[in-house]
Full PDB file with SEQRES, HELIX, SHEET, SSBOND, CRYST1, ORIGX, SCALE, CONECT and MASTER records, all heavy atoms in Angstrom:
SEQRES   1 A   43  VAL TYR ALA ALA GLU GLN ILE ARG ARG GLU VAL GLU LEU          
SEQRES   2 A   43  THR LYS GLN ALA GLY ILE PRO VAL VAL VAL SER MET GLY          
SEQRES   3 A   43  ASP VAL ALA ALA SER GLY GLY TYR TRP ILE SER MET ASN          
SEQRES   4 A   43  ALA ASP ARG ILE                                              
HELIX    1 AA1 TYR A    2  GLN A   16  1                                  15    
HELIX    2 AA2 GLY A   32  TRP A   35  1                                   4    
CRYST1    1.000    1.000    1.000  90.00  90.00  90.00 P 1           1          
ORIGX1      1.000000  0.000000  0.000000        0.00000                         
ORIGX2      0.000000  1.000000  0.000000        0.00000                         
ORIGX3      0.000000  0.000000  1.000000        0.00000                         
SCALE1      1.000000  0.000000  0.000000        0.00000                         
SCALE2      0.000000  1.000000  0.000000        0.00000                         
SCALE3      0.000000  0.000000  1.000000        0.00000                         
ATOM      1  N   VAL A   1       7.018  43.416 -36.867  1.00  0.00           N  
ATOM      2  CA  VAL A   1       7.138  42.474 -35.749  1.00  0.00           C  
ATOM      3  C   VAL A   1       6.721  43.110 -34.425  1.00  0.00           C  
ATOM      4  O   VAL A   1       5.958  42.527 -33.657  1.00  0.00           O  
ATOM      5  CB  VAL A   1       8.581  41.933 -35.668  1.00  0.00           C  
ATOM      6  CG1 VAL A   1       8.825  41.245 -34.321  1.00  0.00           C  
ATOM      7  CG2 VAL A   1       8.835  40.956 -36.801  1.00  0.00           C  
ATOM      8  N   TYR A   2       7.225  44.306 -34.140  1.00  0.00           N  
ATOM      9  CA  TYR A   2       6.923  44.896 -32.829  1.00  0.00           C  
ATOM     10  C   TYR A   2       5.436  45.196 -32.689  1.00  0.00           C  
ATOM     11  O   TYR A   2       4.845  45.002 -31.620  1.00  0.00           O  
ATOM     12  CB  TYR A   2       7.732  46.181 -32.600  1.00  0.00           C  
ATOM     13  CG  TYR A   2       7.442  46.809 -31.256  1.00  0.00           C  
ATOM     14  CD1 TYR A   2       7.827  46.174 -30.076  1.00  0.00           C  
ATOM     15  CD2 TYR A   2       6.764  48.017 -31.154  1.00  0.00           C  
ATOM     16  CE1 TYR A   2       7.544  46.728 -28.837  1.00  0.00           C  
ATOM     17  CE2 TYR A   2       6.475  48.578 -29.923  1.00  0.00           C  
ATOM     18  CZ  TYR A   2       6.866  47.930 -28.771  1.00  0.00           C  
ATOM     19  OH  TYR A   2       6.576  48.480 -27.540  1.00  0.00           O  
ATOM     20  N   ALA A   3       4.807  45.648 -33.772  1.00  0.00           N  
ATOM     21  CA  ALA A   3       3.369  45.916 -33.719  1.00  0.00           C  
ATOM     22  C   ALA A   3       2.597  44.630 -33.437  1.00  0.00           C  
ATOM     23  O   ALA A   3       1.633  44.624 -32.662  1.00  0.00           O  
ATOM     24  CB  ALA A   3       2.902  46.541 -35.035  1.00  0.00           C  
ATOM     25  N   ALA A   4       3.023  43.521 -34.067  1.00  0.00           N  
ATOM     26  CA  ALA A   4       2.376  42.234 -33.809  1.00  0.00           C  
ATOM     27  C   ALA A   4       2.567  41.812 -32.359  1.00  0.00           C  
ATOM     28  O   ALA A   4       1.651  41.280 -31.724  1.00  0.00           O  
ATOM     29  CB  ALA A   4       2.940  41.177 -34.754  1.00  0.00           C  
ATOM     30  N   GLU A   5       3.746  42.072 -31.820  1.00  0.00           N  
ATOM     31  CA  GLU A   5       4.017  41.702 -30.425  1.00  0.00           C  
ATOM     32  C   GLU A   5       3.154  42.517 -29.461  1.00  0.00           C  
ATOM     33  O   GLU A   5       2.698  41.992 -28.428  1.00  0.00           O  
ATOM     34  CB  GLU A   5       5.505  41.891 -30.125  1.00  0.00           C  
ATOM     35  CG  GLU A   5       5.901  41.637 -28.680  1.00  0.00           C  
ATOM     36  CD  GLU A   5       5.669  40.214 -28.209  1.00  0.00           C  
ATOM     37  OE1 GLU A   5       5.343  39.347 -29.033  1.00  0.00           O  
ATOM     38  OE2 GLU A   5       5.811  39.966 -26.988  1.00  0.00           O  
ATOM     39  N   GLN A   6       2.907  43.768 -29.768  1.00  0.00           N  
ATOM     40  CA  GLN A   6       2.019  44.575 -28.916  1.00  0.00           C  
ATOM     41  C   GLN A   6       0.633  43.937 -28.820  1.00  0.00           C  
ATOM     42  O   GLN A   6       0.027  43.894 -27.737  1.00  0.00           O  
ATOM     43  CB  GLN A   6       1.898  45.994 -29.495  1.00  0.00           C  
ATOM     44  CG  GLN A   6       3.121  46.869 -29.316  1.00  0.00           C  
ATOM     45  CD  GLN A   6       2.925  48.235 -29.942  1.00  0.00           C  
ATOM     46  OE1 GLN A   6       2.856  48.367 -31.170  1.00  0.00           O  
ATOM     47  NE2 GLN A   6       2.822  49.256 -29.124  1.00  0.00           N  
ATOM     48  N   ILE A   7       0.155  43.445 -29.935  1.00  0.00           N  
ATOM     49  CA  ILE A   7      -1.177  42.836 -29.955  1.00  0.00           C  
ATOM     50  C   ILE A   7      -1.160  41.499 -29.225  1.00  0.00           C  
ATOM     51  O   ILE A   7      -2.069  41.181 -28.447  1.00  0.00           O  
ATOM     52  CB  ILE A   7      -1.643  42.673 -31.417  1.00  0.00           C  
ATOM     53  CG1 ILE A   7      -1.756  44.044 -32.081  1.00  0.00           C  
ATOM     54  CG2 ILE A   7      -2.977  41.928 -31.489  1.00  0.00           C  
ATOM     55  CD1 ILE A   7      -1.916  43.997 -33.588  1.00  0.00           C  
ATOM     56  N   ARG A   8      -0.126  40.693 -29.464  1.00  0.00           N  
ATOM     57  CA  ARG A   8      -0.023  39.386 -28.798  1.00  0.00           C  
ATOM     58  C   ARG A   8      -0.011  39.535 -27.285  1.00  0.00           C  
ATOM     59  O   ARG A   8      -0.639  38.752 -26.556  1.00  0.00           O  
ATOM     60  CB  ARG A   8       1.246  38.660 -29.266  1.00  0.00           C  
ATOM     61  CG  ARG A   8       1.365  37.227 -28.743  1.00  0.00           C  
ATOM     62  CD  ARG A   8       2.789  36.719 -28.795  1.00  0.00           C  
ATOM     63  NE  ARG A   8       3.651  37.397 -27.838  1.00  0.00           N  
ATOM     64  CZ  ARG A   8       3.739  37.070 -26.540  1.00  0.00           C  
ATOM     65  NH1 ARG A   8       3.002  36.097 -26.041  1.00  0.00           N  
ATOM     66  NH2 ARG A   8       4.550  37.738 -25.747  1.00  0.00           N  
ATOM     67  N   ARG A   9       0.692  40.535 -26.785  1.00  0.00           N  
ATOM     68  CA  ARG A   9       0.759  40.745 -25.330  1.00  0.00           C  
ATOM     69  C   ARG A   9      -0.616  41.035 -24.747  1.00  0.00           C  
ATOM     70  O   ARG A   9      -0.943  40.584 -23.634  1.00  0.00           O  
ATOM     71  CB  ARG A   9       1.724  41.889 -25.026  1.00  0.00           C  
ATOM     72  CG  ARG A   9       3.184  41.549 -25.287  1.00  0.00           C  
ATOM     73  CD  ARG A   9       4.079  42.777 -25.151  1.00  0.00           C  
ATOM     74  NE  ARG A   9       5.468  42.491 -25.495  1.00  0.00           N  
ATOM     75  CZ  ARG A   9       6.423  43.404 -25.595  1.00  0.00           C  
ATOM     76  NH1 ARG A   9       6.144  44.684 -25.360  1.00  0.00           N  
ATOM     77  NH2 ARG A   9       7.661  43.046 -25.921  1.00  0.00           N  
ATOM     78  N   GLU A  10      -1.450  41.781 -25.491  1.00  0.00           N  
ATOM     79  CA  GLU A  10      -2.799  42.076 -25.002  1.00  0.00           C  
ATOM     80  C   GLU A  10      -3.658  40.815 -24.968  1.00  0.00           C  
ATOM     81  O   GLU A  10      -4.498  40.647 -24.080  1.00  0.00           O  
ATOM     82  CB  GLU A  10      -3.461  43.147 -25.868  1.00  0.00           C  
ATOM     83  CG  GLU A  10      -2.872  44.537 -25.702  1.00  0.00           C  
ATOM     84  CD  GLU A  10      -3.035  45.105 -24.303  1.00  0.00           C  
ATOM     85  OE1 GLU A  10      -4.007  44.721 -23.610  1.00  0.00           O  
ATOM     86  OE2 GLU A  10      -2.192  45.914 -23.892  1.00  0.00           O  
ATOM     87  N   VAL A  11      -3.449  39.930 -25.939  1.00  0.00           N  
ATOM     88  CA  VAL A  11      -4.160  38.647 -25.929  1.00  0.00           C  
ATOM     89  C   VAL A  11      -3.769  37.848 -24.689  1.00  0.00           C  
ATOM     90  O   VAL A  11      -4.628  37.284 -23.990  1.00  0.00           O  
ATOM     91  CB  VAL A  11      -3.850  37.838 -27.209  1.00  0.00           C  
ATOM     92  CG1 VAL A  11      -4.386  36.414 -27.102  1.00  0.00           C  
ATOM     93  CG2 VAL A  11      -4.441  38.538 -28.430  1.00  0.00           C  
ATOM     94  N   GLU A  12      -2.483  37.817 -24.398  1.00  0.00           N  
ATOM     95  CA  GLU A  12      -1.992  37.081 -23.238  1.00  0.00           C  
ATOM     96  C   GLU A  12      -2.533  37.682 -21.940  1.00  0.00           C  
ATOM     97  O   GLU A  12      -2.947  36.956 -21.023  1.00  0.00           O  
ATOM     98  CB  GLU A  12      -0.461  37.088 -23.246  1.00  0.00           C  
ATOM     99  CG  GLU A  12       0.158  36.035 -22.351  1.00  0.00           C  
ATOM    100  CD  GLU A  12       1.640  35.866 -22.611  1.00  0.00           C  
ATOM    101  OE1 GLU A  12       2.324  36.892 -22.853  1.00  0.00           O  
ATOM    102  OE2 GLU A  12       2.121  34.731 -22.587  1.00  0.00           O  
ATOM    103  N   LEU A  13      -2.561  39.004 -21.852  1.00  0.00           N  
ATOM    104  CA  LEU A  13      -3.087  39.662 -20.650  1.00  0.00           C  
ATOM    105  C   LEU A  13      -4.582  39.381 -20.477  1.00  0.00           C  
ATOM    106  O   LEU A  13      -5.070  39.254 -19.345  1.00  0.00           O  
ATOM    107  CB  LEU A  13      -2.845  41.171 -20.733  1.00  0.00           C  
ATOM    108  CG  LEU A  13      -1.397  41.639 -20.563  1.00  0.00           C  
ATOM    109  CD1 LEU A  13      -1.277  43.137 -20.859  1.00  0.00           C  
ATOM    110  CD2 LEU A  13      -0.903  41.339 -19.151  1.00  0.00           C  
ATOM    111  N   THR A  14      -5.302  39.284 -21.579  1.00  0.00           N  
ATOM    112  CA  THR A  14      -6.731  38.988 -21.508  1.00  0.00           C  
ATOM    113  C   THR A  14      -6.956  37.586 -20.945  1.00  0.00           C  
ATOM    114  O   THR A  14      -7.857  37.369 -20.122  1.00  0.00           O  
ATOM    115  CB  THR A  14      -7.371  39.115 -22.904  1.00  0.00           C  
ATOM    116  OG1 THR A  14      -7.142  40.443 -23.393  1.00  0.00           O  
ATOM    117  CG2 THR A  14      -8.866  38.857 -22.850  1.00  0.00           C  
ATOM    118  N   LYS A  15      -6.155  36.643 -21.376  1.00  0.00           N  
ATOM    119  CA  LYS A  15      -6.245  35.287 -20.814  1.00  0.00           C  
ATOM    120  C   LYS A  15      -5.911  35.283 -19.323  1.00  0.00           C  
ATOM    121  O   LYS A  15      -6.593  34.624 -18.528  1.00  0.00           O  
ATOM    122  CB  LYS A  15      -5.295  34.353 -21.561  1.00  0.00           C  
ATOM    123  CG  LYS A  15      -5.750  33.968 -22.966  1.00  0.00           C  
ATOM    124  CD  LYS A  15      -4.728  33.085 -23.645  1.00  0.00           C  
ATOM    125  CE  LYS A  15      -4.434  31.817 -22.857  1.00  0.00           C  
ATOM    126  NZ  LYS A  15      -3.437  30.957 -23.517  1.00  0.00           N  
ATOM    127  N   GLN A  16      -4.880  36.040 -18.961  1.00  0.00           N  
ATOM    128  CA  GLN A  16      -4.486  36.098 -17.548  1.00  0.00           C  
ATOM    129  C   GLN A  16      -5.580  36.719 -16.685  1.00  0.00           C  
ATOM    130  O   GLN A  16      -5.657  36.445 -15.484  1.00  0.00           O  
ATOM    131  CB  GLN A  16      -3.193  36.887 -17.408  1.00  0.00           C  
ATOM    132  CG  GLN A  16      -1.975  36.202 -18.010  1.00  0.00           C  
ATOM    133  CD  GLN A  16      -0.721  37.064 -17.985  1.00  0.00           C  
ATOM    134  OE1 GLN A  16      -0.719  38.167 -17.413  1.00  0.00           O  
ATOM    135  NE2 GLN A  16       0.346  36.590 -18.599  1.00  0.00           N  
ATOM    136  N   ALA A  17      -6.439  37.546 -17.313  1.00  0.00           N  
ATOM    137  CA  ALA A  17      -7.545  38.160 -16.595  1.00  0.00           C  
ATOM    138  C   ALA A  17      -8.719  37.202 -16.420  1.00  0.00           C  
ATOM    139  O   ALA A  17      -9.758  37.575 -15.866  1.00  0.00           O  
ATOM    140  CB  ALA A  17      -8.008  39.420 -17.318  1.00  0.00           C  
ATOM    141  N   GLY A  18      -8.570  35.977 -16.899  1.00  0.00           N  
ATOM    142  CA  GLY A  18      -9.621  34.980 -16.739  1.00  0.00           C  
ATOM    143  C   GLY A  18     -10.675  35.009 -17.838  1.00  0.00           C  
ATOM    144  O   GLY A  18     -11.734  34.382 -17.697  1.00  0.00           O  
ATOM    145  N   ILE A  19     -10.397  35.702 -18.919  1.00  0.00           N  
ATOM    146  CA  ILE A  19     -11.345  35.796 -20.027  1.00  0.00           C  
ATOM    147  C   ILE A  19     -10.886  34.844 -21.137  1.00  0.00           C  
ATOM    148  O   ILE A  19      -9.764  34.971 -21.634  1.00  0.00           O  
ATOM    149  CB  ILE A  19     -11.423  37.230 -20.575  1.00  0.00           C  
ATOM    150  CG1 ILE A  19     -11.931  38.180 -19.491  1.00  0.00           C  
ATOM    151  CG2 ILE A  19     -12.323  37.305 -21.812  1.00  0.00           C  
ATOM    152  CD1 ILE A  19     -11.902  39.636 -19.893  1.00  0.00           C  
ATOM    153  N   PRO A  20     -11.716  33.883 -21.535  1.00  0.00           N  
ATOM    154  CA  PRO A  20     -11.328  32.973 -22.613  1.00  0.00           C  
ATOM    155  C   PRO A  20     -11.107  33.735 -23.915  1.00  0.00           C  
ATOM    156  O   PRO A  20     -11.849  34.659 -24.243  1.00  0.00           O  
ATOM    157  CB  PRO A  20     -12.529  32.025 -22.741  1.00  0.00           C  
ATOM    158  CG  PRO A  20     -13.291  32.170 -21.466  1.00  0.00           C  
ATOM    159  CD  PRO A  20     -13.052  33.568 -20.984  1.00  0.00           C  
ATOM    160  N   VAL A  21     -10.074  33.338 -24.649  1.00  0.00           N  
ATOM    161  CA  VAL A  21      -9.766  33.967 -25.938  1.00  0.00           C  
ATOM    162  C   VAL A  21      -9.727  32.882 -27.010  1.00  0.00           C  
ATOM    163  O   VAL A  21      -8.986  31.903 -26.888  1.00  0.00           O  
ATOM    164  CB  VAL A  21      -8.419  34.715 -25.906  1.00  0.00           C  
ATOM    165  CG1 VAL A  21      -8.139  35.342 -27.271  1.00  0.00           C  
ATOM    166  CG2 VAL A  21      -8.410  35.780 -24.823  1.00  0.00           C  
ATOM    167  N   VAL A  22     -10.520  33.074 -28.044  1.00  0.00           N  
ATOM    168  CA  VAL A  22     -10.557  32.141 -29.173  1.00  0.00           C  
ATOM    169  C   VAL A  22     -10.244  32.926 -30.437  1.00  0.00           C  
ATOM    170  O   VAL A  22     -10.765  34.023 -30.636  1.00  0.00           O  
ATOM    171  CB  VAL A  22     -11.936  31.463 -29.300  1.00  0.00           C  
ATOM    172  CG1 VAL A  22     -11.978  30.547 -30.521  1.00  0.00           C  
ATOM    173  CG2 VAL A  22     -12.255  30.669 -28.029  1.00  0.00           C  
ATOM    174  N   VAL A  23      -9.385  32.369 -31.272  1.00  0.00           N  
ATOM    175  CA  VAL A  23      -9.042  33.007 -32.542  1.00  0.00           C  
ATOM    176  C   VAL A  23      -9.799  32.324 -33.672  1.00  0.00           C  
ATOM    177  O   VAL A  23      -9.881  31.094 -33.726  1.00  0.00           O  
ATOM    178  CB  VAL A  23      -7.517  32.945 -32.806  1.00  0.00           C  
ATOM    179  CG1 VAL A  23      -7.209  33.131 -34.290  1.00  0.00           C  
ATOM    180  CG2 VAL A  23      -6.797  34.017 -32.003  1.00  0.00           C  
ATOM    181  N   SER A  24     -10.342  33.150 -34.556  1.00  0.00           N  
ATOM    182  CA  SER A  24     -10.969  32.664 -35.782  1.00  0.00           C  
ATOM    183  C   SER A  24     -10.170  33.230 -36.951  1.00  0.00           C  
ATOM    184  O   SER A  24     -10.100  34.442 -37.139  1.00  0.00           O  
ATOM    185  CB  SER A  24     -12.424  33.128 -35.868  1.00  0.00           C  
ATOM    186  OG  SER A  24     -12.973  32.850 -37.145  1.00  0.00           O  
ATOM    187  N   MET A  25      -9.553  32.347 -37.730  1.00  0.00           N  
ATOM    188  CA  MET A  25      -8.749  32.778 -38.868  1.00  0.00           C  
ATOM    189  C   MET A  25      -9.623  32.906 -40.112  1.00  0.00           C  
ATOM    190  O   MET A  25     -10.443  32.029 -40.391  1.00  0.00           O  
ATOM    191  CB  MET A  25      -7.614  31.784 -39.125  1.00  0.00           C  
ATOM    192  CG  MET A  25      -6.562  31.743 -38.038  1.00  0.00           C  
ATOM    193  SD  MET A  25      -5.244  30.545 -38.427  1.00  0.00           S  
ATOM    194  CE  MET A  25      -4.025  30.990 -37.178  1.00  0.00           C  
ATOM    195  N   GLY A  26      -9.421  33.993 -40.859  1.00  0.00           N  
ATOM    196  CA  GLY A  26     -10.166  34.217 -42.085  1.00  0.00           C  
ATOM    197  C   GLY A  26      -9.411  33.688 -43.290  1.00  0.00           C  
ATOM    198  O   GLY A  26      -8.870  32.581 -43.270  1.00  0.00           O  
ATOM    199  N   ASP A  27      -9.355  34.487 -44.354  1.00  0.00           N  
ATOM    200  CA  ASP A  27      -8.675  34.055 -45.571  1.00  0.00           C  
ATOM    201  C   ASP A  27      -7.204  33.775 -45.340  1.00  0.00           C  
ATOM    202  O   ASP A  27      -6.652  32.806 -45.863  1.00  0.00           O  
ATOM    203  CB  ASP A  27      -8.813  35.127 -46.664  1.00  0.00           C  
ATOM    204  CG  ASP A  27     -10.238  35.253 -47.176  1.00  0.00           C  
ATOM    205  OD1 ASP A  27     -10.961  34.240 -47.183  1.00  0.00           O  
ATOM    206  OD2 ASP A  27     -10.632  36.365 -47.563  1.00  0.00           O  
ATOM    207  N   VAL A  28      -6.555  34.634 -44.563  1.00  0.00           N  
ATOM    208  CA  VAL A  28      -5.128  34.477 -44.319  1.00  0.00           C  
ATOM    209  C   VAL A  28      -4.806  34.934 -42.905  1.00  0.00           C  
ATOM    210  O   VAL A  28      -5.291  35.969 -42.443  1.00  0.00           O  
ATOM    211  CB  VAL A  28      -4.290  35.254 -45.371  1.00  0.00           C  
ATOM    212  CG1 VAL A  28      -4.677  36.722 -45.379  1.00  0.00           C  
ATOM    213  CG2 VAL A  28      -2.802  35.118 -45.114  1.00  0.00           C  
ATOM    214  N   ALA A  29      -4.024  34.130 -42.216  1.00  0.00           N  
ATOM    215  CA  ALA A  29      -3.522  34.501 -40.885  1.00  0.00           C  
ATOM    216  C   ALA A  29      -2.115  33.936 -40.802  1.00  0.00           C  
ATOM    217  O   ALA A  29      -1.848  32.953 -40.100  1.00  0.00           O  
ATOM    218  CB  ALA A  29      -4.415  33.948 -39.779  1.00  0.00           C  
ATOM    219  N   ALA A  30      -1.216  34.541 -41.572  1.00  0.00           N  
ATOM    220  CA  ALA A  30       0.124  34.000 -41.738  1.00  0.00           C  
ATOM    221  C   ALA A  30       1.162  34.965 -41.203  1.00  0.00           C  
ATOM    222  O   ALA A  30       0.937  36.170 -41.118  1.00  0.00           O  
ATOM    223  CB  ALA A  30       0.388  33.715 -43.216  1.00  0.00           C  
ATOM    224  N   SER A  31       2.306  34.413 -40.841  1.00  0.00           N  
ATOM    225  CA  SER A  31       3.443  35.177 -40.340  1.00  0.00           C  
ATOM    226  C   SER A  31       3.012  36.048 -39.155  1.00  0.00           C  
ATOM    227  O   SER A  31       2.636  35.525 -38.106  1.00  0.00           O  
ATOM    228  CB  SER A  31       4.076  35.996 -41.463  1.00  0.00           C  
ATOM    229  OG  SER A  31       5.446  36.225 -41.203  1.00  0.00           O  
ATOM    230  N   GLY A  32       3.007  37.389 -39.319  1.00  0.00           N  
ATOM    231  CA  GLY A  32       2.551  38.226 -38.208  1.00  0.00           C  
ATOM    232  C   GLY A  32       1.106  37.947 -37.833  1.00  0.00           C  
ATOM    233  O   GLY A  32       0.700  38.134 -36.684  1.00  0.00           O  
ATOM    234  N   GLY A  33       0.300  37.503 -38.812  1.00  0.00           N  
ATOM    235  CA  GLY A  33      -1.073  37.119 -38.512  1.00  0.00           C  
ATOM    236  C   GLY A  33      -1.135  35.917 -37.588  1.00  0.00           C  
ATOM    237  O   GLY A  33      -2.027  35.817 -36.736  1.00  0.00           O  
ATOM    238  N   TYR A  34      -0.187  34.997 -37.752  1.00  0.00           N  
ATOM    239  CA  TYR A  34      -0.109  33.865 -36.816  1.00  0.00           C  
ATOM    240  C   TYR A  34       0.478  34.316 -35.485  1.00  0.00           C  
ATOM    241  O   TYR A  34       0.099  33.819 -34.415  1.00  0.00           O  
ATOM    242  CB  TYR A  34       0.724  32.720 -37.402  1.00  0.00           C  
ATOM    243  CG  TYR A  34       0.595  31.452 -36.579  1.00  0.00           C  
ATOM    244  CD1 TYR A  34      -0.449  30.569 -36.803  1.00  0.00           C  
ATOM    245  CD2 TYR A  34       1.496  31.152 -35.554  1.00  0.00           C  
ATOM    246  CE1 TYR A  34      -0.600  29.431 -36.028  1.00  0.00           C  
ATOM    247  CE2 TYR A  34       1.361  30.025 -34.779  1.00  0.00           C  
ATOM    248  CZ  TYR A  34       0.302  29.160 -35.025  1.00  0.00           C  
ATOM    249  OH  TYR A  34       0.143  28.047 -34.232  1.00  0.00           O  
ATOM    250  N   TRP A  35       1.404  35.254 -35.539  1.00  0.00           N  
ATOM    251  CA  TRP A  35       2.033  35.777 -34.316  1.00  0.00           C  
ATOM    252  C   TRP A  35       0.966  36.267 -33.337  1.00  0.00           C  
ATOM    253  O   TRP A  35       1.026  35.970 -32.145  1.00  0.00           O  
ATOM    254  CB  TRP A  35       2.979  36.906 -34.701  1.00  0.00           C  
ATOM    255  CG  TRP A  35       3.868  37.444 -33.607  1.00  0.00           C  
ATOM    256  CD1 TRP A  35       3.470  37.952 -32.387  1.00  0.00           C  
ATOM    257  CD2 TRP A  35       5.298  37.534 -33.619  1.00  0.00           C  
ATOM    258  NE1 TRP A  35       4.547  38.366 -31.661  1.00  0.00           N  
ATOM    259  CE2 TRP A  35       5.694  38.113 -32.382  1.00  0.00           C  
ATOM    260  CE3 TRP A  35       6.264  37.208 -34.551  1.00  0.00           C  
ATOM    261  CZ2 TRP A  35       7.028  38.356 -32.076  1.00  0.00           C  
ATOM    262  CZ3 TRP A  35       7.598  37.455 -34.234  1.00  0.00           C  
ATOM    263  CH2 TRP A  35       7.970  38.014 -33.010  1.00  0.00           C  
ATOM    264  N   ILE A  36       0.000  37.036 -33.829  1.00  0.00           N  
ATOM    265  CA  ILE A  36      -1.009  37.598 -32.923  1.00  0.00           C  
ATOM    266  C   ILE A  36      -2.065  36.563 -32.530  1.00  0.00           C  
ATOM    267  O   ILE A  36      -2.871  36.814 -31.628  1.00  0.00           O  
ATOM    268  CB  ILE A  36      -1.696  38.836 -33.538  1.00  0.00           C  
ATOM    269  CG1 ILE A  36      -2.540  38.463 -34.757  1.00  0.00           C  
ATOM    270  CG2 ILE A  36      -0.666  39.892 -33.914  1.00  0.00           C  
ATOM    271  CD1 ILE A  36      -3.286  39.638 -35.366  1.00  0.00           C  
ATOM    272  N   SER A  37      -2.033  35.392 -33.175  1.00  0.00           N  
ATOM    273  CA  SER A  37      -3.043  34.362 -32.916  1.00  0.00           C  
ATOM    274  C   SER A  37      -2.579  33.292 -31.938  1.00  0.00           C  
ATOM    275  O   SER A  37      -3.403  32.634 -31.289  1.00  0.00           O  
ATOM    276  CB  SER A  37      -3.436  33.667 -34.233  1.00  0.00           C  
ATOM    277  OG  SER A  37      -3.886  34.576 -35.199  1.00  0.00           O  
ATOM    278  N   MET A  38      -1.276  33.079 -31.839  1.00  0.00           N  
ATOM    279  CA  MET A  38      -0.758  31.850 -31.242  1.00  0.00           C  
ATOM    280  C   MET A  38      -1.115  31.637 -29.779  1.00  0.00           C  
ATOM    281  O   MET A  38      -1.160  30.503 -29.313  1.00  0.00           O  
ATOM    282  CB  MET A  38       0.762  31.797 -31.413  1.00  0.00           C  
ATOM    283  CG  MET A  38       1.535  32.925 -30.746  1.00  0.00           C  
ATOM    284  SD  MET A  38       3.315  32.662 -30.939  1.00  0.00           S  
ATOM    285  CE  MET A  38       3.933  34.315 -31.052  1.00  0.00           C  
ATOM    286  N   ASN A  39      -1.393  32.681 -29.022  1.00  0.00           N  
ATOM    287  CA  ASN A  39      -1.628  32.524 -27.589  1.00  0.00           C  
ATOM    288  C   ASN A  39      -3.092  32.295 -27.214  1.00  0.00           C  
ATOM    289  O   ASN A  39      -3.436  32.254 -26.029  1.00  0.00           O  
ATOM    290  CB  ASN A  39      -1.094  33.726 -26.815  1.00  0.00           C  
ATOM    291  CG  ASN A  39       0.414  33.698 -26.668  1.00  0.00           C  
ATOM    292  OD1 ASN A  39       1.126  34.347 -27.416  1.00  0.00           O  
ATOM    293  ND2 ASN A  39       0.911  32.903 -25.720  1.00  0.00           N  
ATOM    294  N   ALA A  40      -3.958  32.140 -28.187  1.00  0.00           N  
ATOM    295  CA  ALA A  40      -5.374  31.918 -27.888  1.00  0.00           C  
ATOM    296  C   ALA A  40      -5.591  30.569 -27.218  1.00  0.00           C  
ATOM    297  O   ALA A  40      -4.782  29.646 -27.362  1.00  0.00           O  
ATOM    298  CB  ALA A  40      -6.196  32.002 -29.174  1.00  0.00           C  
ATOM    299  N   ASP A  41      -6.694  30.454 -26.496  1.00  0.00           N  
ATOM    300  CA  ASP A  41      -7.053  29.170 -25.893  1.00  0.00           C  
ATOM    301  C   ASP A  41      -7.354  28.126 -26.961  1.00  0.00           C  
ATOM    302  O   ASP A  41      -7.114  26.936 -26.765  1.00  0.00           O  
ATOM    303  CB  ASP A  41      -8.283  29.334 -24.992  1.00  0.00           C  
ATOM    304  CG  ASP A  41      -7.979  30.170 -23.757  1.00  0.00           C  
ATOM    305  OD1 ASP A  41      -7.160  29.732 -22.934  1.00  0.00           O  
ATOM    306  OD2 ASP A  41      -8.555  31.269 -23.627  1.00  0.00           O  
ATOM    307  N   ARG A  42      -7.901  28.587 -28.081  1.00  0.00           N  
ATOM    308  CA  ARG A  42      -8.202  27.682 -29.189  1.00  0.00           C  
ATOM    309  C   ARG A  42      -8.170  28.473 -30.493  1.00  0.00           C  
ATOM    310  O   ARG A  42      -8.584  29.635 -30.538  1.00  0.00           O  
ATOM    311  CB  ARG A  42      -9.563  27.017 -29.006  1.00  0.00           C  
ATOM    312  CG  ARG A  42      -9.767  25.777 -29.878  1.00  0.00           C  
ATOM    313  CD  ARG A  42     -10.887  24.910 -29.334  1.00  0.00           C  
ATOM    314  NE  ARG A  42     -11.011  23.644 -30.045  1.00  0.00           N  
ATOM    315  CZ  ARG A  42     -10.265  22.570 -29.801  1.00  0.00           C  
ATOM    316  NH1 ARG A  42      -9.317  22.626 -28.885  1.00  0.00           N  
ATOM    317  NH2 ARG A  42     -10.452  21.443 -30.472  1.00  0.00           N  
ATOM    318  N   ILE A  43      -7.664  27.835 -31.552  1.00  0.00           N  
ATOM    319  CA  ILE A  43      -7.555  28.483 -32.851  1.00  0.00           C  
ATOM    320  C   ILE A  43      -8.397  27.719 -33.860  1.00  0.00           C  
ATOM    321  O   ILE A  43      -8.215  26.509 -34.058  1.00  0.00           O  
ATOM    322  CB  ILE A  43      -6.095  28.530 -33.337  1.00  0.00           C  
ATOM    323  CG1 ILE A  43      -5.220  29.331 -32.359  1.00  0.00           C  
ATOM    324  CG2 ILE A  43      -6.012  29.151 -34.730  1.00  0.00           C  
ATOM    325  CD1 ILE A  43      -3.742  29.336 -32.724  1.00  0.00           C  
TER     326      ILE A  43                                                      
MASTER        0    0    0    2    0    0    0    6  325    1    0    4          
END                                                                             
């Protein structure tokens, strides 16, 4: 969980910097995989 949260925070900071963030899910993006994806501008 904490490792996933570290990544999610960087996604959020990137958006705050004015850079659009889009997530592309592959075969599986579940649980912690969804955790790091949820803050994107579009999934």
